[in-house]
């Protein structure tokens, strides 16, 4: 499923997904304000768009387990970061996603 934004269309290939990372906390529990350089980047985010599935040996496509809008947890070093309209996104394989967060 492709994501469209101001004339920009993004369609991940195969089993890749695009994720918008959640914002990191800007203050500690004690109330200390953290600059961007001191913040840990969260390993959580929301799926923005998905590819059409992994190509299987028989030529068919395997369906992805995640869908657009899912909140997910992924490994810390997963994905390639890129920017679209001042918004940082991550492109990663579905295998890098560890869990879907259910409310």
C-alpha atoms as a PDB file:
ATOM      1  CA  UNK A   1       0.000   0.000   0.000  1.00  0.00           C
ATOM      2  CA  UNK A   2       1.578   3.277  -1.110  1.00  0.00           C
ATOM      3  CA  UNK A   3       1.838   6.485   0.889  1.00  0.00           C
ATOM      4  CA  UNK A   4       1.086   9.783  -0.853  1.00  0.00           C
ATOM      5  CA  UNK A   5       2.202  13.163   0.365  1.00  0.00           C
ATOM      6  CA  UNK A   6       2.121  16.451  -1.576  1.00  0.00           C
ATOM      7  CA  UNK A   7       2.756  14.885  -4.967  1.00  0.00           C
ATOM      8  CA  UNK A   8       5.244  12.379  -3.549  1.00  0.00           C
ATOM      9  CA  UNK A   9       4.312   8.702  -3.795  1.00  0.00           C
ATOM     10  CA  UNK A  10       6.213   6.032  -1.887  1.00  0.00           C
ATOM     11  CA  UNK A  11       5.749   2.309  -2.594  1.00  0.00           C
ATOM     12  CA  UNK A  12       8.041  -0.083  -0.685  1.00  0.00           C
ATOM     13  CA  UNK A  13       9.069  -3.193  -2.596  1.00  0.00           C
ATOM     14  CA  UNK A  14       8.650  -6.792  -1.494  1.00  0.00           C
ATOM     15  CA  UNK A  15       8.511  -7.337   2.271  1.00  0.00           C
ATOM     16  CA  UNK A  16       9.639  -3.821   3.170  1.00  0.00           C
ATOM     17  CA  UNK A  17       7.636  -1.406   5.303  1.00  0.00           C
ATOM     18  CA  UNK A  18       7.903   2.322   6.005  1.00  0.00           C
ATOM     19  CA  UNK A  19       7.609   3.355   9.652  1.00  0.00           C
ATOM     20  CA  UNK A  20       7.177   6.734  11.289  1.00  0.00           C
ATOM     21  CA  UNK A  21       9.196   6.602  14.505  1.00  0.00           C
ATOM     22  CA  UNK A  22       7.466   7.753  17.718  1.00  0.00           C
ATOM     23  CA  UNK A  23       8.759  10.949  19.295  1.00  0.00           C
ATOM     24  CA  UNK A  24      11.304  10.451  22.055  1.00  0.00           C
ATOM     25  CA  UNK A  25      10.784  11.809  25.537  1.00  0.00           C
ATOM     26  CA  UNK A  26      12.128  15.349  25.933  1.00  0.00           C
ATOM     27  CA  UNK A  27      12.251  15.366  29.756  1.00  0.00           C
ATOM     28  CA  UNK A  28      13.370  12.831  32.329  1.00  0.00           C
ATOM     29  CA  UNK A  29      11.224  11.584  35.205  1.00  0.00           C
ATOM     30  CA  UNK A  30      13.004  14.146  37.405  1.00  0.00           C
ATOM     31  CA  UNK A  31      12.036  16.992  35.054  1.00  0.00           C
ATOM     32  CA  UNK A  32      15.393  17.513  33.336  1.00  0.00           C
ATOM     33  CA  UNK A  33      14.978  18.690  29.725  1.00  0.00           C
ATOM     34  CA  UNK A  34      17.041  16.629  27.274  1.00  0.00           C
ATOM     35  CA  UNK A  35      18.553  18.062  24.085  1.00  0.00           C
ATOM     36  CA  UNK A  36      18.039  16.069  20.859  1.00  0.00           C
ATOM     37  CA  UNK A  37      21.612  14.756  20.960  1.00  0.00           C
ATOM     38  CA  UNK A  38      21.035  13.128  24.382  1.00  0.00           C
ATOM     39  CA  UNK A  39      17.727  11.441  23.550  1.00  0.00           C
ATOM     40  CA  UNK A  40      17.534   7.740  22.801  1.00  0.00           C
ATOM     41  CA  UNK A  41      15.690   7.113  19.572  1.00  0.00           C
ATOM     42  CA  UNK A  42      12.660   4.987  20.398  1.00  0.00           C
ATOM     43  CA  UNK A  43      12.334   1.577  18.767  1.00  0.00           C
ATOM     44  CA  UNK A  44       8.580   2.062  18.348  1.00  0.00           C
ATOM     45  CA  UNK A  45       6.568   3.538  15.556  1.00  0.00           C
ATOM     46  CA  UNK A  46       3.571   3.407  13.261  1.00  0.00           C
ATOM     47  CA  UNK A  47       3.466   1.614   9.911  1.00  0.00           C
ATOM     48  CA  UNK A  48       2.923   4.222   7.176  1.00  0.00           C
ATOM     49  CA  UNK A  49       2.960   1.987   4.086  1.00  0.00           C
ATOM     50  CA  UNK A  50       3.805  -1.593   3.168  1.00  0.00           C
ATOM     51  CA  UNK A  51       5.174  -3.498   0.194  1.00  0.00           C
ATOM     52  CA  UNK A  52       3.308  -6.166  -1.732  1.00  0.00           C
ATOM     53  CA  UNK A  53       4.905  -9.118   0.114  1.00  0.00           C
ATOM     54  CA  UNK A  54       7.914 -11.408  -0.145  1.00  0.00           C
ATOM     55  CA  UNK A  55       8.278 -13.315  -3.412  1.00  0.00           C
ATOM     56  CA  UNK A  56       7.870 -17.030  -2.658  1.00  0.00           C
ATOM     57  CA  UNK A  57       9.525 -19.955  -4.468  1.00  0.00           C
ATOM     58  CA  UNK A  58       6.323 -20.729  -6.410  1.00  0.00           C
ATOM     59  CA  UNK A  59       6.185 -17.161  -7.778  1.00  0.00           C
ATOM     60  CA  UNK A  60       3.342 -15.988  -5.559  1.00  0.00           C
ATOM     61  CA  UNK A  61       3.576 -13.228  -2.951  1.00  0.00           C
ATOM     62  CA  UNK A  62       3.456 -13.934   0.791  1.00  0.00           C
ATOM     63  CA  UNK A  63       1.103 -11.616   2.676  1.00  0.00           C
ATOM     64  CA  UNK A  64       2.687  -9.291   5.251  1.00  0.00           C
ATOM     65  CA  UNK A  65       1.726  -9.705   8.902  1.00  0.00           C
ATOM     66  CA  UNK A  66       1.574  -5.952   9.539  1.00  0.00           C
ATOM     67  CA  UNK A  67      -0.791  -3.406   8.019  1.00  0.00           C
ATOM     68  CA  UNK A  68      -0.873   0.359   7.661  1.00  0.00           C
ATOM     69  CA  UNK A  69      -1.647   2.006  10.998  1.00  0.00           C
ATOM     70  CA  UNK A  70      -0.185  -0.786  13.173  1.00  0.00           C
ATOM     71  CA  UNK A  71       1.955   0.391  16.095  1.00  0.00           C
ATOM     72  CA  UNK A  72       5.092  -1.739  16.176  1.00  0.00           C
ATOM     73  CA  UNK A  73       8.300  -2.375  18.089  1.00  0.00           C
ATOM     74  CA  UNK A  74      11.423  -2.948  16.005  1.00  0.00           C
ATOM     75  CA  UNK A  75      15.088  -3.641  16.657  1.00  0.00           C
ATOM     76  CA  UNK A  76      17.153  -0.560  17.553  1.00  0.00           C
ATOM     77  CA  UNK A  77      19.434  -0.609  14.533  1.00  0.00           C
ATOM     78  CA  UNK A  78      16.818  -1.658  12.002  1.00  0.00           C
ATOM     79  CA  UNK A  79      16.072   0.187   8.824  1.00  0.00           C
ATOM     80  CA  UNK A  80      17.380   3.038   6.756  1.00  0.00           C
ATOM     81  CA  UNK A  81      16.347   6.531   7.836  1.00  0.00           C
ATOM     82  CA  UNK A  82      15.242   9.109   5.242  1.00  0.00           C
ATOM     83  CA  UNK A  83      13.269  12.351   5.239  1.00  0.00           C
ATOM     84  CA  UNK A  84      10.120  13.348   3.376  1.00  0.00           C
ATOM     85  CA  UNK A  85       8.831  16.907   3.932  1.00  0.00           C
ATOM     86  CA  UNK A  86      10.833  17.325   7.175  1.00  0.00           C
ATOM     87  CA  UNK A  87       9.434  14.052   8.537  1.00  0.00           C
ATOM     88  CA  UNK A  88      11.927  11.304   9.351  1.00  0.00           C
ATOM     89  CA  UNK A  89      10.835   7.835   8.245  1.00  0.00           C
ATOM     90  CA  UNK A  90      12.422   4.385   8.387  1.00  0.00           C
ATOM     91  CA  UNK A  91      12.462   1.803   5.599  1.00  0.00           C
ATOM     92  CA  UNK A  92      12.975  -1.745   6.892  1.00  0.00           C
ATOM     93  CA  UNK A  93      12.176  -5.351   6.185  1.00  0.00           C
ATOM     94  CA  UNK A  94       9.221  -6.910   7.948  1.00  0.00           C
ATOM     95  CA  UNK A  95      11.668  -9.311   9.657  1.00  0.00           C
ATOM     96  CA  UNK A  96      13.114  -6.339  11.594  1.00  0.00           C
ATOM     97  CA  UNK A  97       9.741  -5.782  13.294  1.00  0.00           C
ATOM     98  CA  UNK A  98       9.648  -7.612  16.620  1.00  0.00           C
ATOM     99  CA  UNK A  99       6.024  -7.109  17.714  1.00  0.00           C
ATOM    100  CA  UNK A 100       2.746  -5.348  17.023  1.00  0.00           C
ATOM    101  CA  UNK A 101       1.455  -3.258  19.952  1.00  0.00           C
ATOM    102  CA  UNK A 102      -2.229  -3.906  20.596  1.00  0.00           C
ATOM    103  CA  UNK A 103      -4.304  -1.507  22.691  1.00  0.00           C
END
